[in-house]
Amino acid sequence: MLVGRIYDAAGKLDLLTTPTGNVDYDYFGLTPCPGCAPGRLQRITDPSGVVLDHSYDGLLLKSLTWSGAVAGSVAFGHDASFRITSETVTVGATTSPVAFGYDNDDILICASPSTCSPAGTDALKITLNAGNGLVTGSTHGLVTDTLTYNAFGELASTTGKVGASTVFSEVVDTAANPRDALGRIVQRVETNGGAAVTWRYTYDLRGRLVDVQKDGALFEHYDYDPNGNRTLLTTPAGTTAGVYDAQDRLLSYGSTTYTYTANGELRTKTDSTGTTTYTYDVRGNLVQVDLPSGDVIQYLVDGQDRRVGKNKNGVLERAWLYRNQLNPVAELDGSGALVARFVYGSKSNVPEYMVRGGVTYRVLSDHLGSPRALVDVVTGAVAWRADFDAWGNRTLIAGTADFLPFGFAGGMLDSETGLTRFGARDYDASVGRWASKDPITFRARSTNLYEYSFGDPVNWFDHTGLKPIPDKDCYEKCVADLWPELLKCIANNCGNVPPGPEREKCANENCGGVLKDIEAYCTEKCDIICSG
């Protein structure tokens, strides 16, 4: 399959040609104008019929606008310190604004549909430890959330309540059952609308999950080959064997068989219900799933490879708008109307709350960011619950399955295909591995390009689909610590430079190294902490 690249006179990609259609890139001219940034990306037109436009305020992204098959916009307001102070979703004549507020260290402490100056009664208010900046809790209407930590700053417990009644709780570190010497969770006690359940985890010398106990009894045992492929699952009900080829492609798992494209993407899955067929575009995005039932699922992808729409049998069912590369902030229905709004706060991979049907729901999530309960912040009623096993299979759903589109570790779960979308790839929890090879290959520091989170889904998560992140709390605190330094660097060096290309140039020259290295530094730092 031939892919061509055509560049403009400035050396920027102008056209990506593929057998299934072209991706066209347009850039702002060199003449300054309101909302533009001379020379920067203005528009991407994708073969799926989705057009994505960008506008800027100097260095800062001002808005993203989708048109064509999916239509809507997300606009951002910034203060003098370059912090995002507002985020407004517009779909047709409907607007949904959110205001954000920060403390003196530039850490987010408020998200509100009205105001954070001061925080209104409708606001999510986040409290921090004054000494170390860790999130200690939040209040949103009738719902409170409390977090505790061990002496190393690792999460020990989280408890979500309505009044005195516990809605969801998770304890992963106690004096009697602490994390191990490498900071890994060995015991987790959770309560989600029923009796408390105690999970215990054992790892092999390579850090892979090998044993899971539930309330003192063996629940699952895993065996692996030398490259991390799961060769055997043992449960009280029996065993399931996995067979792989030399490229680590799963050929069979129990009675289910698999085939692949030449590029290593999952092509077919055949089980007792029939054959499921998967189709990808040349950029590796899953764009179609043909189910054994005869239903055909199609995904719309924008020019930045984000999943922005889902068609079923040729009819648009749902669509999404994003605030960045990974986080959806709005869901649209098949008619293109805004039906849900997602608002983010202290967690990078899952919203703090959702507004749907005029009702605001607090999202209570576990240590990985898997949503576990939705609570009406006005009445305190629990509208939805979910449980997941260690590898992300959803084992309980109380409420409408797709009421919230987020699943294991905050990924976008499609209950019809069983796949969870994390950034660049789709994850199959039923076999605990990716459906395609890692696009960045061995730069993810694994010799197995299908392996999920180095075989340890209890302590690692991979929200990009590219590279696992160890110890989410470590990583998020690291980013939170460094981000204000970046903003201060830009303010100190470029505060007097007018918005536009000159300010962008100034920021790149003076602070580009900080901007470029934040994620890499925090990943490496937390990797060292996690691995001892």
Protein backbone atom coordinates (compact mmCIF):
# COMPACT_ATOMS: atom_id res chain seq x y z
CA MET A 1 0.00 0.00 0.00
CA LEU A 2 1.61 3.24 -1.16
CA VAL A 3 1.53 6.39 0.96
CA GLY A 4 2.81 9.65 -0.46
CA ARG A 5 3.85 12.86 1.26
CA ILE A 6 3.89 16.25 -0.43
CA TYR A 7 5.51 19.22 1.32
CA ASP A 8 5.10 22.96 0.82
CA ALA A 9 7.89 25.45 0.17
CA ALA A 10 8.52 25.80 3.91
CA GLY A 11 9.03 22.05 4.29
CA LYS A 12 5.72 21.44 6.08
CA LEU A 13 3.52 18.48 5.21
CA ASP A 14 0.89 19.68 2.75
CA LEU A 15 -0.77 16.48 1.53
CA LEU A 16 -0.75 12.86 2.67
CA THR A 17 -1.89 10.65 -0.19
CA THR A 18 -3.28 7.17 0.47
CA PRO A 19 -5.25 4.62 -1.56
CA THR A 20 -8.35 5.33 0.57
CA GLY A 21 -8.20 9.13 0.35
CA ASN A 22 -5.97 12.09 1.04
CA VAL A 23 -5.34 14.09 4.20
CA ASP A 24 -4.94 17.77 3.35
CA TYR A 25 -3.06 20.21 5.61
CA ASP A 26 -3.45 23.99 5.39
CA TYR A 27 -1.41 26.62 7.24
CA PHE A 28 -1.90 30.25 8.11
CA GLY A 29 -0.12 32.71 5.87
CA LEU A 30 2.62 34.98 7.12
CA THR A 31 0.38 38.03 7.50
CA PRO A 32 -0.76 38.50 11.13
CA CYS A 33 -4.52 38.41 11.72
CA PRO A 34 -6.90 37.95 14.68
CA GLY A 35 -7.07 34.32 15.79
CA CYS A 36 -4.32 33.15 13.48
CA ALA A 37 -0.68 32.30 14.00
CA PRO A 38 1.44 32.94 10.91
CA GLY A 39 2.82 29.70 9.56
CA ARG A 40 1.04 27.44 12.03
CA LEU A 41 -1.43 24.67 11.24
CA GLN A 42 -4.87 26.00 10.36
CA ARG A 43 -6.92 23.13 8.92
CA ILE A 44 -6.79 19.36 8.44
CA THR A 45 -9.26 17.70 6.08
CA ASP A 46 -9.59 13.94 6.59
CA PRO A 47 -10.95 11.37 4.09
CA SER A 48 -13.70 10.49 6.59
CA GLY A 49 -15.33 13.84 5.85
CA VAL A 50 -14.22 15.53 9.06
CA VAL A 51 -12.62 18.98 8.81
CA LEU A 52 -10.64 20.31 11.79
CA ASP A 53 -9.80 24.03 12.14
CA HIS A 54 -7.44 25.65 14.65
CA SER A 55 -7.25 29.21 15.93
CA TYR A 56 -4.60 30.70 18.20
CA ASP A 57 -3.75 33.50 20.57
CA GLY A 58 -0.04 33.73 19.92
CA LEU A 59 1.51 30.57 21.30
CA LEU A 60 -1.75 29.38 22.84
CA LEU A 61 -4.44 27.30 21.19
CA LYS A 62 -7.63 29.35 21.21
CA SER A 63 -10.14 26.97 19.65
CA LEU A 64 -10.73 23.72 17.80
CA THR A 65 -13.62 23.52 15.34
CA TRP A 66 -14.94 20.38 13.67
CA SER A 67 -17.16 20.53 10.59
CA GLY A 68 -18.49 18.08 8.05
CA ALA A 69 -19.52 14.67 9.36
CA VAL A 70 -19.04 15.92 12.95
CA ALA A 71 -19.71 19.55 13.86
CA GLY A 72 -18.91 21.58 16.97
CA SER A 73 -16.17 23.59 18.64
CA VAL A 74 -14.15 23.83 21.84
CA ALA A 75 -12.80 27.28 22.77
CA PHE A 76 -10.29 28.17 25.48
CA GLY A 77 -9.72 31.32 27.51
CA HIS A 78 -6.40 32.06 29.22
CA ASP A 79 -5.21 34.42 31.92
CA ALA A 80 -1.99 36.45 32.07
CA SER A 81 -0.13 33.37 33.34
CA PHE A 82 -1.28 31.37 30.29
CA ARG A 83 -3.49 29.12 32.41
CA ILE A 84 -6.75 27.85 30.91
CA THR A 85 -9.49 29.74 32.74
CA SER A 86 -12.43 28.76 30.56
CA GLU A 87 -13.43 25.96 28.21
CA THR A 88 -16.56 26.41 26.12
CA VAL A 89 -18.19 23.74 23.98
CA THR A 90 -20.47 25.01 21.22
CA VAL A 91 -22.72 22.72 19.18
CA GLY A 92 -25.18 24.55 16.95
CA ALA A 93 -26.93 27.12 19.14
CA THR A 94 -26.04 25.27 22.35
CA THR A 95 -23.09 26.39 24.46
CA SER A 96 -21.63 24.72 27.55
CA PRO A 97 -19.04 26.84 29.38
CA VAL A 98 -16.79 25.74 32.23
CA ALA A 99 -14.62 28.04 34.35
CA PHE A 100 -11.41 26.93 36.05
CA GLY A 101 -9.63 28.32 39.10
CA TYR A 102 -6.13 27.78 40.50
CA ASP A 103 -4.20 28.25 43.72
CA ASN A 104 -1.05 30.36 44.05
CA ASP A 105 1.04 27.44 42.78
CA ASP A 106 -1.05 27.24 39.59
CA ILE A 107 -2.66 23.94 40.62
CA LEU A 108 -6.29 23.47 39.61
CA ILE A 109 -8.68 23.75 42.55
CA CYS A 110 -12.01 24.63 40.92
CA ALA A 111 -14.16 23.69 37.93
CA SER A 112 -17.58 25.27 37.55
CA PRO A 113 -20.27 25.86 34.91
CA SER A 114 -20.61 29.40 36.27
CA THR A 115 -17.64 30.88 38.12
CA CYS A 116 -14.53 30.05 40.13
CA SER A 117 -13.98 33.65 41.26
CA PRO A 118 -15.06 32.74 43.90
CA ALA A 119 -16.21 29.16 43.48
CA GLY A 120 -19.98 28.96 43.09
CA THR A 121 -22.30 26.47 44.76
CA ASP A 122 -22.31 24.48 41.50
CA ALA A 123 -18.52 24.12 41.46
CA LEU A 124 -16.27 21.14 41.93
CA LYS A 125 -13.87 22.30 44.65
CA ILE A 126 -10.56 20.46 45.04
CA THR A 127 -8.52 20.60 48.24
CA LEU A 128 -4.75 20.18 48.39
CA ASN A 129 -2.17 19.35 51.02
CA ALA A 130 -0.52 22.69 51.74
CA GLY A 131 2.87 21.07 52.24
CA ASN A 132 3.20 18.89 49.15
CA GLY A 133 0.39 19.87 46.79
CA LEU A 134 -1.20 16.40 46.68
CA VAL A 135 -4.96 16.28 46.19
CA THR A 136 -6.59 15.39 49.50
CA GLY A 137 -10.22 15.60 48.46
CA SER A 138 -13.01 17.35 46.66
CA THR A 139 -16.56 18.56 47.18
CA HIS A 140 -19.24 18.75 44.52
CA GLY A 141 -22.75 19.35 45.77
CA LEU A 142 -23.63 16.48 48.09
CA VAL A 143 -20.67 14.37 46.98
CA THR A 144 -17.31 14.38 48.75
CA ASP A 145 -14.13 12.54 47.84
CA THR A 146 -11.22 11.95 50.25
CA LEU A 147 -7.73 10.71 49.35
CA THR A 148 -4.91 9.58 51.63
CA TYR A 149 -1.26 8.75 50.90
CA ASN A 150 1.61 6.79 52.39
CA ALA A 151 4.94 8.28 53.47
CA PHE A 152 6.24 8.13 49.88
CA GLY A 153 3.35 10.16 48.47
CA GLU A 154 1.74 7.09 46.89
CA LEU A 155 -2.04 6.76 46.98
CA ALA A 156 -3.23 4.78 50.01
CA SER A 157 -7.01 5.17 49.80
CA THR A 158 -9.86 6.98 48.13
CA THR A 159 -13.40 7.30 49.48
CA GLY A 160 -16.42 8.84 47.78
CA LYS A 161 -19.41 9.68 49.96
CA VAL A 162 -22.83 11.28 49.99
CA GLY A 163 -23.16 12.61 53.50
CA ALA A 164 -22.07 9.77 55.80
CA SER A 165 -22.88 7.04 53.26
CA THR A 166 -19.98 5.56 51.30
CA VAL A 167 -20.66 5.22 47.57
CA PHE A 168 -17.26 3.88 46.51
CA SER A 169 -14.05 3.23 48.42
CA GLU A 170 -10.69 1.71 47.61
CA VAL A 171 -7.82 1.00 50.02
CA VAL A 172 -4.48 0.02 48.47
CA ASP A 173 -2.01 0.69 51.29
CA THR A 174 -2.33 0.10 55.03
CA ALA A 175 0.13 -0.50 57.86
CA ALA A 176 -0.78 -4.18 57.85
CA ASN A 177 -0.79 -4.54 54.05
CA PRO A 178 1.43 -1.84 52.54
CA ARG A 179 2.63 -1.56 48.98
CA ASP A 180 5.74 -3.66 48.36
CA ALA A 181 9.32 -2.35 48.23
CA LEU A 182 8.83 -1.36 44.58
CA GLY A 183 5.68 0.62 45.35
CA ARG A 184 3.35 -1.98 43.83
CA ILE A 185 -0.11 -2.74 45.17
CA VAL A 186 -0.27 -6.15 46.86
CA GLN A 187 -3.70 -5.82 48.45
CA ARG A 188 -6.71 -3.79 47.37
CA VAL A 189 -9.97 -3.61 49.31
CA GLU A 190 -12.86 -2.05 47.43
CA THR A 191 -16.50 -1.34 48.16
CA ASN A 192 -18.85 -0.39 45.34
CA GLY A 193 -22.48 -0.66 46.38
CA GLY A 194 -22.14 -4.02 48.12
CA ALA A 195 -19.92 -5.93 50.50
CA ALA A 196 -16.22 -5.13 50.60
CA VAL A 197 -14.06 -7.28 48.30
CA THR A 198 -10.39 -7.98 49.05
CA TRP A 199 -8.03 -8.53 46.13
CA ARG A 200 -4.43 -9.69 46.50
CA TYR A 201 -1.79 -9.60 43.77
CA THR A 202 1.48 -11.46 43.21
CA TYR A 203 4.12 -10.59 40.62
CA ASP A 204 6.95 -12.57 39.04
CA LEU A 205 10.60 -11.47 38.91
CA ARG A 206 9.93 -9.50 35.70
CA GLY A 207 7.12 -7.58 37.36
CA ARG A 208 4.27 -9.34 35.56
CA LEU A 209 1.00 -10.11 37.32
CA VAL A 210 0.86 -13.86 38.02
CA ASP A 211 -1.69 -14.43 40.78
CA VAL A 212 -4.96 -12.76 41.71
CA GLN A 213 -6.83 -13.77 44.85
CA LYS A 214 -10.37 -12.72 45.68
CA ASP A 215 -11.36 -12.81 49.36
CA GLY A 216 -8.58 -15.28 50.11
CA ALA A 217 -9.24 -17.74 47.27
CA LEU A 218 -7.33 -18.08 44.01
CA PHE A 219 -9.20 -16.18 41.32
CA GLU A 220 -6.72 -16.20 38.43
CA HIS A 221 -3.20 -17.43 37.72
CA TYR A 222 -1.18 -16.43 34.64
CA ASP A 223 1.77 -18.09 32.92
CA TYR A 224 3.92 -16.29 30.35
CA ASP A 225 6.52 -17.11 27.73
CA PRO A 226 9.94 -15.39 27.87
CA ASN A 227 8.66 -12.38 25.90
CA GLY A 228 5.65 -11.68 28.09
CA ASN A 229 2.90 -13.45 26.11
CA ARG A 230 0.21 -15.02 28.27
CA THR A 231 0.44 -18.75 27.58
CA LEU A 232 -1.99 -20.01 30.20
CA LEU A 233 -4.84 -18.64 32.29
CA THR A 234 -5.88 -20.81 35.23
CA THR A 235 -9.11 -20.19 37.14
CA PRO A 236 -11.29 -22.40 39.37
CA ALA A 237 -13.34 -23.11 36.22
CA GLY A 238 -10.39 -24.46 34.21
CA THR A 239 -7.53 -23.35 31.97
CA THR A 240 -7.22 -21.35 28.76
CA ALA A 241 -4.09 -21.61 26.61
CA GLY A 242 -2.65 -18.98 24.29
CA VAL A 243 -0.58 -19.74 21.19
CA TYR A 244 1.65 -17.11 19.51
CA ASP A 245 3.86 -16.77 16.46
CA ALA A 246 7.42 -15.42 16.26
CA GLN A 247 6.10 -11.83 16.06
CA ASP A 248 4.14 -12.23 19.32
CA ARG A 249 0.84 -12.26 17.42
CA LEU A 250 -1.86 -14.19 19.25
CA LEU A 251 -2.99 -17.06 17.00
CA SER A 252 -5.41 -18.75 19.36
CA TYR A 253 -6.73 -18.30 22.87
CA GLY A 254 -8.76 -21.25 24.01
CA SER A 255 -11.12 -22.03 21.11
CA THR A 256 -10.88 -18.50 19.65
CA THR A 257 -8.58 -17.97 16.65
CA TYR A 258 -7.05 -14.78 15.23
CA THR A 259 -5.52 -13.53 11.98
CA TYR A 260 -3.60 -10.34 11.22
CA THR A 261 -2.81 -7.84 8.50
CA ALA A 262 0.70 -7.63 7.07
CA ASN A 263 1.24 -4.65 9.37
CA GLY A 264 0.41 -6.70 12.46
CA GLU A 265 -3.10 -5.35 13.11
CA LEU A 266 -5.80 -7.76 14.24
CA ARG A 267 -7.76 -8.70 11.11
CA THR A 268 -10.21 -11.42 12.23
CA LYS A 269 -11.39 -13.01 15.44
CA THR A 270 -13.33 -16.27 15.17
CA ASP A 271 -15.18 -17.79 18.11
CA SER A 272 -18.42 -19.67 18.76
CA THR A 273 -20.52 -16.68 17.65
CA GLY A 274 -18.80 -16.37 14.27
CA THR A 275 -16.11 -14.18 12.75
CA THR A 276 -15.46 -10.53 13.59
CA THR A 277 -13.51 -8.60 10.95
CA TYR A 278 -11.46 -5.47 11.65
CA THR A 279 -10.42 -2.82 9.10
CA TYR A 280 -7.80 -0.08 9.56
CA ASP A 281 -6.76 3.01 7.67
CA VAL A 282 -3.15 3.44 6.54
CA ARG A 283 -2.35 5.42 9.69
CA GLY A 284 -3.28 2.43 11.85
CA ASN A 285 -6.66 3.69 13.08
CA LEU A 286 -9.41 1.11 13.49
CA VAL A 287 -12.16 2.37 11.16
CA GLN A 288 -14.56 -0.56 10.80
CA VAL A 289 -15.68 -3.66 12.70
CA ASP A 290 -17.93 -6.23 11.02
CA LEU A 291 -19.67 -8.19 13.77
CA PRO A 292 -20.93 -11.80 13.54
CA SER A 293 -24.48 -10.47 13.96
CA GLY A 294 -24.19 -8.69 10.62
CA ASP A 295 -23.96 -5.25 12.20
CA VAL A 296 -21.22 -2.98 10.87
CA ILE A 297 -19.51 -0.47 13.17
CA GLN A 298 -17.63 2.38 11.51
CA TYR A 299 -15.46 4.95 13.26
CA LEU A 300 -14.89 8.50 12.06
CA VAL A 301 -11.37 9.78 12.66
CA ASP A 302 -10.25 13.41 12.47
CA GLY A 303 -6.97 14.72 11.08
CA GLN A 304 -5.24 14.23 14.43
CA ASP A 305 -6.19 10.53 14.57
CA ARG A 306 -8.83 10.98 17.25
CA ARG A 307 -12.01 8.91 17.19
CA VAL A 308 -14.71 11.55 16.72
CA GLY A 309 -17.69 9.50 15.59
CA LYS A 310 -19.33 6.07 15.57
CA ASN A 311 -21.65 4.85 12.83
CA LYS A 312 -23.73 1.70 13.08
CA ASN A 313 -24.95 0.23 9.81
CA GLY A 314 -24.22 3.51 8.06
CA VAL A 315 -26.03 5.76 10.55
CA LEU A 316 -24.21 8.11 12.94
CA GLU A 317 -24.93 7.12 16.54
CA ARG A 318 -22.46 9.12 18.61
CA ALA A 319 -19.74 11.71 18.16
CA TRP A 320 -17.12 13.34 20.38
CA LEU A 321 -15.25 16.66 20.61
CA TYR A 322 -11.86 16.91 22.33
CA ARG A 323 -9.95 19.38 24.51
CA ASN A 324 -6.56 17.90 23.55
CA GLN A 325 -5.20 14.80 21.86
CA LEU A 326 -6.68 12.37 24.38
CA ASN A 327 -9.60 13.81 26.36
CA PRO A 328 -13.17 14.03 24.97
CA VAL A 329 -15.09 16.95 26.48
CA ALA A 330 -18.43 16.48 24.73
CA GLU A 331 -20.62 13.74 23.31
CA LEU A 332 -23.11 14.33 20.50
CA ASP A 333 -26.00 12.09 19.45
CA GLY A 334 -26.80 10.89 15.94
CA SER A 335 -28.55 14.15 15.07
CA GLY A 336 -25.48 16.15 16.04
CA ALA A 337 -26.99 17.55 19.25
CA LEU A 338 -24.93 17.97 22.42
CA VAL A 339 -26.00 15.30 24.94
CA ALA A 340 -23.11 15.08 27.42
CA ARG A 341 -20.34 17.33 28.72
CA PHE A 342 -17.19 16.00 30.41
CA VAL A 343 -15.14 18.17 32.77
CA TYR A 344 -11.59 17.29 33.84
CA GLY A 345 -9.77 18.26 37.00
CA SER A 346 -7.09 16.45 38.99
CA LYS A 347 -6.88 13.29 36.84
CA SER A 348 -5.37 13.22 33.37
CA ASN A 349 -7.32 10.30 31.93
CA VAL A 350 -10.87 10.49 33.29
CA PRO A 351 -13.35 13.36 33.91
CA GLU A 352 -14.23 14.60 37.37
CA TYR A 353 -17.86 15.08 36.41
CA MET A 354 -20.35 14.71 33.57
CA VAL A 355 -23.43 16.74 32.67
CA ARG A 356 -26.11 14.73 30.84
CA GLY A 357 -29.78 15.57 30.43
CA GLY A 358 -29.37 18.65 32.59
CA VAL A 359 -28.09 16.56 35.52
CA THR A 360 -24.55 16.83 36.89
CA TYR A 361 -22.95 13.53 37.89
CA ARG A 362 -19.75 13.21 39.91
CA VAL A 363 -17.47 10.54 38.44
CA LEU A 364 -15.91 8.45 41.20
CA SER A 365 -12.92 6.53 39.86
CA ASP A 366 -10.31 4.12 41.18
CA HIS A 367 -6.51 4.37 41.34
CA LEU A 368 -6.15 3.71 37.59
CA GLY A 369 -8.85 6.16 36.55
CA SER A 370 -11.49 3.50 35.83
CA PRO A 371 -14.92 5.08 36.51
CA ARG A 372 -16.72 3.12 39.22
CA ALA A 373 -19.80 5.19 40.11
CA LEU A 374 -21.80 8.18 38.87
CA VAL A 375 -23.58 10.23 41.53
CA ASP A 376 -26.13 13.02 41.05
CA VAL A 377 -24.51 15.92 42.91
CA VAL A 378 -27.89 17.48 43.76
CA THR A 379 -29.88 14.46 44.98
CA GLY A 380 -27.05 12.08 45.90
CA ALA A 381 -28.64 9.27 43.88
CA VAL A 382 -26.27 6.75 42.30
CA ALA A 383 -27.13 6.51 38.59
CA TRP A 384 -24.49 4.04 37.41
CA ARG A 385 -21.86 1.63 38.70
CA ALA A 386 -19.16 -0.49 37.09
CA ASP A 387 -16.57 -3.02 38.22
CA PHE A 388 -13.52 -4.28 36.33
CA ASP A 389 -11.18 -7.20 36.77
CA ALA A 390 -7.39 -6.79 36.88
CA TRP A 391 -7.06 -6.66 33.08
CA GLY A 392 -10.00 -4.33 32.48
CA ASN A 393 -12.88 -6.68 31.65
CA ARG A 394 -16.06 -5.02 32.86
CA THR A 395 -17.55 -7.49 35.34
CA LEU A 396 -20.48 -5.40 36.55
CA ILE A 397 -22.62 -2.68 35.02
CA ALA A 398 -25.54 -1.16 36.92
CA GLY A 399 -27.27 1.31 34.64
CA THR A 400 -27.16 1.91 30.90
CA ALA A 401 -23.94 0.43 29.52
CA ASP A 402 -22.99 3.42 27.37
CA PHE A 403 -24.29 6.12 29.72
CA LEU A 404 -20.63 7.00 30.26
CA PRO A 405 -18.27 6.26 27.34
CA PHE A 406 -15.23 5.72 29.56
CA GLY A 407 -14.06 2.31 30.74
CA PHE A 408 -10.96 0.66 32.16
CA ALA A 409 -8.24 3.18 33.08
CA GLY A 410 -10.30 5.96 31.49
CA GLY A 411 -10.17 4.57 27.95
CA MET A 412 -13.14 4.84 25.59
CA LEU A 413 -15.00 1.54 25.81
CA ASP A 414 -17.20 0.32 22.96
CA SER A 415 -19.46 -2.28 24.55
CA GLU A 416 -20.45 -3.65 21.12
CA THR A 417 -16.90 -4.53 20.07
CA GLY A 418 -15.46 -5.08 23.55
CA LEU A 419 -12.45 -2.94 22.68
CA THR A 420 -11.16 0.01 24.68
CA ARG A 421 -9.57 2.91 22.80
CA PHE A 422 -6.47 4.46 24.38
CA GLY A 423 -5.06 7.21 22.17
CA ALA A 424 -3.30 5.49 19.29
CA ARG A 425 -4.56 1.91 19.72
CA ASP A 426 -7.37 -0.40 20.81
CA TYR A 427 -6.99 -2.70 23.80
CA ASP A 428 -8.69 -6.09 24.11
CA ALA A 429 -9.24 -6.79 27.81
CA SER A 430 -10.47 -10.33 27.11
CA VAL A 431 -6.89 -11.37 26.26
CA GLY A 432 -5.04 -8.55 28.07
CA ARG A 433 -3.20 -7.18 25.03
CA TRP A 434 -3.31 -4.62 22.25
CA ALA A 435 -5.02 -5.33 18.92
CA SER A 436 -2.08 -3.87 16.98
CA LYS A 437 1.64 -3.27 17.37
CA ASP A 438 2.98 -0.24 19.19
CA PRO A 439 3.40 2.59 16.64
CA ILE A 440 6.59 3.74 18.37
CA THR A 441 7.90 0.14 18.38
CA PHE A 442 10.71 -0.53 20.85
CA ARG A 443 10.92 3.06 22.11
CA ALA A 444 8.21 2.02 24.56
CA ARG A 445 10.91 -0.06 26.30
CA SER A 446 9.21 -3.40 25.71
CA THR A 447 10.37 -6.18 23.40
CA ASN A 448 6.73 -7.25 22.97
CA LEU A 449 4.81 -4.74 20.84
CA TYR A 450 1.41 -6.16 21.86
CA GLU A 451 2.04 -6.35 25.61
CA TYR A 452 -0.16 -4.11 27.78
CA SER A 453 1.67 -2.15 30.49
CA PHE A 454 4.57 -4.61 30.81
CA GLY A 455 2.19 -7.32 32.00
CA ASP A 456 1.19 -5.36 35.13
CA PRO A 457 -2.26 -3.77 34.68
CA VAL A 458 -2.63 -3.20 38.42
CA ASN A 459 0.08 -0.55 38.76
CA TRP A 460 0.59 0.76 35.22
CA PHE A 461 -1.72 2.35 32.67
CA ASP A 462 -1.26 3.50 29.08
CA HIS A 463 -3.58 6.36 28.17
CA THR A 464 -1.71 7.16 24.94
CA GLY A 465 -1.53 3.64 23.49
CA LEU A 466 2.18 4.27 23.03
CA LYS A 467 4.00 3.93 26.32
CA PRO A 468 2.88 2.77 29.78
CA ILE A 469 3.00 5.24 32.63
CA PRO A 470 4.02 3.89 36.05
CA ASP A 471 2.32 5.06 39.21
CA LYS A 472 -0.26 7.53 37.94
CA ASP A 473 -0.13 9.60 41.11
CA CYS A 474 3.65 10.02 40.79
CA TYR A 475 3.35 11.03 37.15
CA GLU A 476 0.49 13.48 37.63
CA LYS A 477 2.16 15.16 40.59
CA CYS A 478 5.39 15.44 38.61
CA VAL A 479 3.58 17.14 35.72
CA ALA A 480 1.66 19.38 38.12
CA ASP A 481 4.94 20.37 39.77
CA LEU A 482 6.68 21.18 36.49
CA TRP A 483 3.88 22.83 34.53
CA PRO A 484 3.82 26.02 36.64
CA GLU A 485 7.57 26.32 36.04
CA LEU A 486 6.95 26.27 32.31
CA LEU A 487 4.25 28.94 32.60
CA LYS A 488 6.48 31.09 34.79
CA CYS A 489 9.35 30.66 32.32
CA ILE A 490 7.17 31.95 29.49
CA ALA A 491 5.78 34.80 31.60
CA ASN A 492 9.22 35.88 32.84
CA ASN A 493 10.92 35.74 29.46
CA CYS A 494 8.11 36.65 27.09
CA GLY A 495 5.51 38.52 29.12
CA ASN A 496 6.21 41.80 27.33
CA VAL A 497 6.21 40.27 23.85
CA PRO A 498 2.94 40.87 21.97
CA PRO A 499 0.82 37.76 21.26
CA GLY A 500 1.65 36.21 17.91
CA PRO A 501 4.63 34.65 16.20
CA GLU A 502 7.17 36.73 18.15
CA ARG A 503 5.87 35.47 21.49
CA GLU A 504 5.83 31.92 20.15
CA LYS A 505 9.41 32.32 18.97
CA CYS A 506 10.43 33.76 22.33
CA ALA A 507 8.78 30.89 24.23
CA ASN A 508 10.38 28.27 22.02
CA GLU A 509 13.82 29.84 22.36
CA ASN A 510 13.69 30.37 26.11
CA CYS A 511 11.43 27.58 27.37
CA GLY A 512 11.25 25.04 24.56
CA GLY A 513 13.43 22.55 26.40
CA VAL A 514 11.12 22.57 29.41
CA LEU A 515 8.04 22.19 27.21
CA LYS A 516 9.55 19.32 25.22
CA ASP A 517 10.86 17.34 28.16
CA ILE A 518 8.04 17.48 30.73
CA GLU A 519 6.37 14.20 29.79
CA ALA A 520 9.65 12.40 29.11
CA TYR A 521 11.18 13.60 32.37
CA CYS A 522 8.17 12.63 34.48
CA THR A 523 7.87 9.23 32.84
CA GLU A 524 11.54 8.50 33.48
CA LYS A 525 11.45 9.87 37.01
CA CYS A 526 8.44 7.79 38.02
CA ASP A 527 9.83 4.74 36.23
CA ILE A 528 12.94 4.94 38.42
CA ILE A 529 10.82 5.34 41.54
CA CYS A 530 8.54 2.46 40.55
CA SER A 531 11.39 0.11 39.66
CA GLY A 532 13.38 0.96 42.75
